[in-house]
Amino acid sequence: EKLEDAFRYAAETGYDGVELMVWHESASQDIANVAGLSMRYDVPVLSVHAPCLLISQRVWGPDPMAKLGRAVTAAEDLGADTVVVHPPFRWQRRYAENFIDLVSELEDGSHVAVAVENMFPMRLDAFFGRRGEAAERLKRRGHPGTAVSAFAPSIDPTDVGYANYTL
């Protein structure tokens, strides 16, 4: 229902297309259903966001490499030119080791651009205490607290040299 609402709102407000966020809502995982909504509301899917976030770790199974491949297939089926994906999490070692080659292989084997999207670091001071307390610490220090990245090799995908990015 939420997915259909998104297509309806996009049509009513004149959007030229949408990015499909594949996540736990089953309708977003059913590509035939998505294609039907796209046709019904005359709103094309321009990109597919692979289920690579913490909230979507188990969508389409546990293997992140297979999920990225499936996202490319979904994009092809929907006529989308782009798949958006975030860099691997640090604990996804095998995926991280193969990620650069996988992105290249998927692009070479399809008409779909795999755009690696940057991720902002998490500020540790925001996790310890309420917002007001974190703001007070920031004022006392004069700069933000320590930032950590859960992504490998870093939060900045431009360090690697992918063919496509989304920032």
C-alpha atoms as a PDB file:
ATOM      1  CA  GLU A   1       0.000   0.000   0.000  1.00  0.00           C
ATOM      2  CA  LYS A   2       2.800   2.452   0.842  1.00  0.00           C
ATOM      3  CA  LEU A   3       4.546   1.734  -2.445  1.00  0.00           C
ATOM      4  CA  GLU A   4       1.380   2.366  -4.422  1.00  0.00           C
ATOM      5  CA  ASP A   5       0.873   5.613  -2.499  1.00  0.00           C
ATOM      6  CA  ALA A   6       4.377   6.690  -3.517  1.00  0.00           C
ATOM      7  CA  PHE A   7       3.630   6.084  -7.201  1.00  0.00           C
ATOM      8  CA  ARG A   8       0.288   7.876  -6.912  1.00  0.00           C
ATOM      9  CA  TYR A   9       1.847  10.899  -5.174  1.00  0.00           C
ATOM     10  CA  ALA A  10       4.651  10.999  -7.743  1.00  0.00           C
ATOM     11  CA  ALA A  11       2.090  11.015 -10.567  1.00  0.00           C
ATOM     12  CA  GLU A  12      -0.106  13.640  -8.907  1.00  0.00           C
ATOM     13  CA  THR A  13       2.806  15.989  -8.261  1.00  0.00           C
ATOM     14  CA  GLY A  14       4.400  15.619 -11.693  1.00  0.00           C
ATOM     15  CA  TYR A  15       7.570  13.692 -10.898  1.00  0.00           C
ATOM     16  CA  ASP A  16       9.427  12.429 -13.959  1.00  0.00           C
ATOM     17  CA  GLY A  17      10.227   9.141 -12.210  1.00  0.00           C
ATOM     18  CA  VAL A  18      11.113   7.455  -8.936  1.00  0.00           C
ATOM     19  CA  GLU A  19      13.909   5.516  -7.289  1.00  0.00           C
ATOM     20  CA  LEU A  20      12.731   2.158  -6.008  1.00  0.00           C
ATOM     21  CA  MET A  21      14.039   1.532  -2.500  1.00  0.00           C
ATOM     22  CA  VAL A  22      14.044  -2.236  -2.101  1.00  0.00           C
ATOM     23  CA  TRP A  23      13.498  -2.916   1.593  1.00  0.00           C
ATOM     24  CA  HIS A  24      11.326  -4.904   4.010  1.00  0.00           C
ATOM     25  CA  GLU A  25       8.005  -3.848   2.453  1.00  0.00           C
ATOM     26  CA  SER A  26       7.171  -6.919   0.363  1.00  0.00           C
ATOM     27  CA  ALA A  27       5.667  -4.821  -2.438  1.00  0.00           C
ATOM     28  CA  SER A  28       9.081  -3.225  -3.056  1.00  0.00           C
ATOM     29  CA  GLN A  29      10.630  -6.682  -3.514  1.00  0.00           C
ATOM     30  CA  ASP A  30       8.057  -7.825  -6.086  1.00  0.00           C
ATOM     31  CA  ILE A  31       9.446  -6.406  -9.326  1.00  0.00           C
ATOM     32  CA  ALA A  32       6.416  -7.478 -11.406  1.00  0.00           C
ATOM     33  CA  ASN A  33       4.204  -5.566  -8.953  1.00  0.00           C
ATOM     34  CA  VAL A  34       6.482  -2.523  -9.177  1.00  0.00           C
ATOM     35  CA  ALA A  35       6.351  -2.661 -12.987  1.00  0.00           C
ATOM     36  CA  GLY A  36       2.555  -2.772 -12.813  1.00  0.00           C
ATOM     37  CA  LEU A  37       2.418   0.281 -10.553  1.00  0.00           C
ATOM     38  CA  SER A  38       4.846   2.107 -12.819  1.00  0.00           C
ATOM     39  CA  MET A  39       2.576   1.455 -15.809  1.00  0.00           C
ATOM     40  CA  ARG A  40      -0.658   2.202 -13.931  1.00  0.00           C
ATOM     41  CA  TYR A  41       0.549   5.611 -12.748  1.00  0.00           C
ATOM     42  CA  ASP A  42       2.757   6.347 -15.792  1.00  0.00           C
ATOM     43  CA  VAL A  43       5.747   6.987 -13.533  1.00  0.00           C
ATOM     44  CA  PRO A  44       8.936   5.225 -14.616  1.00  0.00           C
ATOM     45  CA  VAL A  45      11.405   3.686 -12.198  1.00  0.00           C
ATOM     46  CA  LEU A  46      14.637   5.551 -12.972  1.00  0.00           C
ATOM     47  CA  SER A  47      16.831   3.785 -10.445  1.00  0.00           C
ATOM     48  CA  VAL A  48      16.773   0.863  -8.032  1.00  0.00           C
ATOM     49  CA  HIS A  49      18.345   1.185  -4.588  1.00  0.00           C
ATOM     50  CA  ALA A  50      19.861  -2.192  -3.702  1.00  0.00           C
ATOM     51  CA  PRO A  51      18.857  -3.577  -0.282  1.00  0.00           C
ATOM     52  CA  CYS A  52      22.219  -2.861   1.339  1.00  0.00           C
ATOM     53  CA  LEU A  53      21.331  -0.860   4.456  1.00  0.00           C
ATOM     54  CA  LEU A  54      21.109  -2.176   8.008  1.00  0.00           C
ATOM     55  CA  ILE A  55      17.310  -2.113   7.802  1.00  0.00           C
ATOM     56  CA  SER A  56      17.379  -4.299   4.696  1.00  0.00           C
ATOM     57  CA  GLN A  57      20.166  -6.769   5.516  1.00  0.00           C
ATOM     58  CA  ARG A  58      17.928  -9.830   5.081  1.00  0.00           C
ATOM     59  CA  VAL A  59      15.907  -8.625   2.098  1.00  0.00           C
ATOM     60  CA  TRP A  60      16.507 -10.946  -0.882  1.00  0.00           C
ATOM     61  CA  GLY A  61      18.673 -13.187   1.313  1.00  0.00           C
ATOM     62  CA  PRO A  62      21.884 -12.775   3.305  1.00  0.00           C
ATOM     63  CA  ASP A  63      24.434 -12.634   0.440  1.00  0.00           C
ATOM     64  CA  PRO A  64      25.151  -8.979  -0.453  1.00  0.00           C
ATOM     65  CA  MET A  65      26.823  -9.923  -3.749  1.00  0.00           C
ATOM     66  CA  ALA A  66      23.753 -11.848  -4.899  1.00  0.00           C
ATOM     67  CA  LYS A  67      21.506  -8.988  -3.781  1.00  0.00           C
ATOM     68  CA  LEU A  68      23.469  -6.466  -5.844  1.00  0.00           C
ATOM     69  CA  GLY A  69      23.211  -8.744  -8.877  1.00  0.00           C
ATOM     70  CA  ARG A  70      19.493  -9.115  -8.301  1.00  0.00           C
ATOM     71  CA  ALA A  71      19.127  -5.326  -8.065  1.00  0.00           C
ATOM     72  CA  VAL A  72      20.805  -4.973 -11.480  1.00  0.00           C
ATOM     73  CA  THR A  73      18.398  -7.561 -12.922  1.00  0.00           C
ATOM     74  CA  ALA A  74      15.477  -5.686 -11.344  1.00  0.00           C
ATOM     75  CA  ALA A  75      16.695  -2.438 -12.896  1.00  0.00           C
ATOM     76  CA  GLU A  76      16.901  -4.104 -16.309  1.00  0.00           C
ATOM     77  CA  ASP A  77      13.394  -5.539 -15.897  1.00  0.00           C
ATOM     78  CA  LEU A  78      12.043  -2.112 -14.928  1.00  0.00           C
ATOM     79  CA  GLY A  79      13.908  -0.192 -17.629  1.00  0.00           C
ATOM     80  CA  ALA A  80      15.966   1.721 -15.059  1.00  0.00           C
ATOM     81  CA  ASP A  81      19.458   2.879 -15.997  1.00  0.00           C
ATOM     82  CA  THR A  82      20.930   2.958 -12.495  1.00  0.00           C
ATOM     83  CA  VAL A  83      21.342   0.845  -9.381  1.00  0.00           C
ATOM     84  CA  VAL A  84      22.326   2.732  -6.244  1.00  0.00           C
ATOM     85  CA  VAL A  85      24.404   0.844  -3.671  1.00  0.00           C
ATOM     86  CA  HIS A  86      26.386   1.813  -0.590  1.00  0.00           C
ATOM     87  CA  PRO A  87      29.914   0.565   0.046  1.00  0.00           C
ATOM     88  CA  PRO A  88      30.121  -2.682   2.019  1.00  0.00           C
ATOM     89  CA  PHE A  89      30.040  -2.649   5.789  1.00  0.00           C
ATOM     90  CA  ARG A  90      33.427  -3.310   7.360  1.00  0.00           C
ATOM     91  CA  TRP A  91      32.248  -6.653   8.745  1.00  0.00           C
ATOM     92  CA  GLN A  92      31.293  -7.869   5.243  1.00  0.00           C
ATOM     93  CA  ARG A  93      34.894  -8.825   4.484  1.00  0.00           C
ATOM     94  CA  ARG A  94      34.372 -11.098   1.491  1.00  0.00           C
ATOM     95  CA  TYR A  95      31.928  -8.625  -0.055  1.00  0.00           C
ATOM     96  CA  ALA A  96      34.327  -5.732   0.587  1.00  0.00           C
ATOM     97  CA  GLU A  97      37.238  -7.625  -0.981  1.00  0.00           C
ATOM     98  CA  ASN A  98      35.216  -8.369  -4.135  1.00  0.00           C
ATOM     99  CA  PHE A  99      33.108  -5.205  -4.301  1.00  0.00           C
ATOM    100  CA  ILE A 100      35.146  -3.200  -6.819  1.00  0.00           C
ATOM    101  CA  ASP A 101      35.375  -6.110  -9.259  1.00  0.00           C
ATOM    102  CA  LEU A 102      31.712  -7.018  -8.741  1.00  0.00           C
ATOM    103  CA  VAL A 103      30.573  -3.483  -9.568  1.00  0.00           C
ATOM    104  CA  SER A 104      32.673  -3.502 -12.754  1.00  0.00           C
ATOM    105  CA  GLU A 105      31.437  -6.953 -13.805  1.00  0.00           C
ATOM    106  CA  LEU A 106      27.794  -6.026 -13.273  1.00  0.00           C
ATOM    107  CA  GLU A 107      28.195  -2.841 -15.296  1.00  0.00           C
ATOM    108  CA  ASP A 108      30.075  -4.616 -18.087  1.00  0.00           C
ATOM    109  CA  GLY A 109      27.385  -7.298 -18.313  1.00  0.00           C
ATOM    110  CA  SER A 110      24.400  -4.948 -18.491  1.00  0.00           C
ATOM    111  CA  HIS A 111      23.249  -1.506 -19.591  1.00  0.00           C
ATOM    112  CA  VAL A 112      22.879  -0.510 -15.924  1.00  0.00           C
ATOM    113  CA  ALA A 113      25.232   1.881 -14.139  1.00  0.00           C
ATOM    114  CA  VAL A 114      26.008   0.787 -10.583  1.00  0.00           C
ATOM    115  CA  ALA A 115      26.351   4.071  -8.708  1.00  0.00           C
ATOM    116  CA  VAL A 116      28.193   3.809  -5.390  1.00  0.00           C
ATOM    117  CA  GLU A 117      26.627   6.234  -2.928  1.00  0.00           C
ATOM    118  CA  ASN A 118      28.539   7.955  -0.165  1.00  0.00           C
ATOM    119  CA  MET A 119      27.622   7.505   3.472  1.00  0.00           C
ATOM    120  CA  PHE A 120      28.127  10.014   6.231  1.00  0.00           C
ATOM    121  CA  PRO A 121      30.118   8.977   9.299  1.00  0.00           C
ATOM    122  CA  MET A 122      28.363   8.415  12.588  1.00  0.00           C
ATOM    123  CA  ARG A 123      29.305  10.828  15.351  1.00  0.00           C
ATOM    124  CA  LEU A 124      29.997   8.992  18.573  1.00  0.00           C
ATOM    125  CA  ASP A 125      28.997  11.968  20.691  1.00  0.00           C
ATOM    126  CA  ALA A 126      25.480  11.775  19.276  1.00  0.00           C
ATOM    127  CA  PHE A 127      25.102   8.242  20.641  1.00  0.00           C
ATOM    128  CA  PHE A 128      26.080   9.140  24.191  1.00  0.00           C
ATOM    129  CA  GLY A 129      23.424  11.322  25.742  1.00  0.00           C
ATOM    130  CA  ARG A 130      20.551  13.396  24.543  1.00  0.00           C
ATOM    131  CA  ARG A 131      20.845  15.972  21.777  1.00  0.00           C
ATOM    132  CA  GLY A 132      21.191  18.836  24.222  1.00  0.00           C
ATOM    133  CA  GLU A 133      24.089  17.121  25.982  1.00  0.00           C
ATOM    134  CA  ALA A 134      25.797  16.390  22.666  1.00  0.00           C
ATOM    135  CA  ALA A 135      25.352  20.029  21.621  1.00  0.00           C
ATOM    136  CA  GLU A 136      26.912  21.208  24.893  1.00  0.00           C
ATOM    137  CA  ARG A 137      29.927  18.931  24.381  1.00  0.00           C
ATOM    138  CA  LEU A 138      30.271  20.298  20.859  1.00  0.00           C
ATOM    139  CA  LYS A 139      30.296  23.873  22.188  1.00  0.00           C
ATOM    140  CA  ARG A 140      32.901  23.060  24.839  1.00  0.00           C
ATOM    141  CA  ARG A 141      35.171  21.265  22.377  1.00  0.00           C
ATOM    142  CA  GLY A 142      34.667  23.667  19.509  1.00  0.00           C
ATOM    143  CA  HIS A 143      34.461  20.814  16.990  1.00  0.00           C
ATOM    144  CA  PRO A 144      32.464  17.631  16.421  1.00  0.00           C
ATOM    145  CA  GLY A 145      33.343  14.471  18.294  1.00  0.00           C
ATOM    146  CA  THR A 146      35.040  11.434  16.887  1.00  0.00           C
ATOM    147  CA  ALA A 147      33.436  10.111  13.722  1.00  0.00           C
ATOM    148  CA  VAL A 148      33.385   6.453  12.808  1.00  0.00           C
ATOM    149  CA  SER A 149      32.525   4.783   9.553  1.00  0.00           C
ATOM    150  CA  ALA A 150      30.931   1.380   9.297  1.00  0.00           C
ATOM    151  CA  PHE A 151      31.784   1.280   5.603  1.00  0.00           C
ATOM    152  CA  ALA A 152      34.840  -0.113   3.843  1.00  0.00           C
ATOM    153  CA  PRO A 153      37.150   1.272   2.733  1.00  0.00           C
ATOM    154  CA  SER A 154      35.693   4.625   3.868  1.00  0.00           C
ATOM    155  CA  ILE A 155      32.641   6.857   3.654  1.00  0.00           C
ATOM    156  CA  ASP A 156      34.034   8.428   0.467  1.00  0.00           C
ATOM    157  CA  PRO A 157      33.601   6.145  -2.545  1.00  0.00           C
ATOM    158  CA  THR A 158      35.528   8.547  -4.800  1.00  0.00           C
ATOM    159  CA  ASP A 159      38.766   7.259  -3.245  1.00  0.00           C
ATOM    160  CA  VAL A 160      38.352   3.995  -5.161  1.00  0.00           C
ATOM    161  CA  GLY A 161      37.711   5.047  -8.759  1.00  0.00           C
ATOM    162  CA  TYR A 162      34.305   3.542  -9.550  1.00  0.00           C
ATOM    163  CA  ALA A 163      32.831   4.452 -12.936  1.00  0.00           C
ATOM    164  CA  ASN A 164      29.649   5.865 -11.355  1.00  0.00           C
ATOM    165  CA  TYR A 165      28.767   7.634  -8.105  1.00  0.00           C
ATOM    166  CA  THR A 166      25.787   9.214  -6.476  1.00  0.00           C
ATOM    167  CA  LEU A 167      26.638  11.737  -3.797  1.00  0.00           C
END
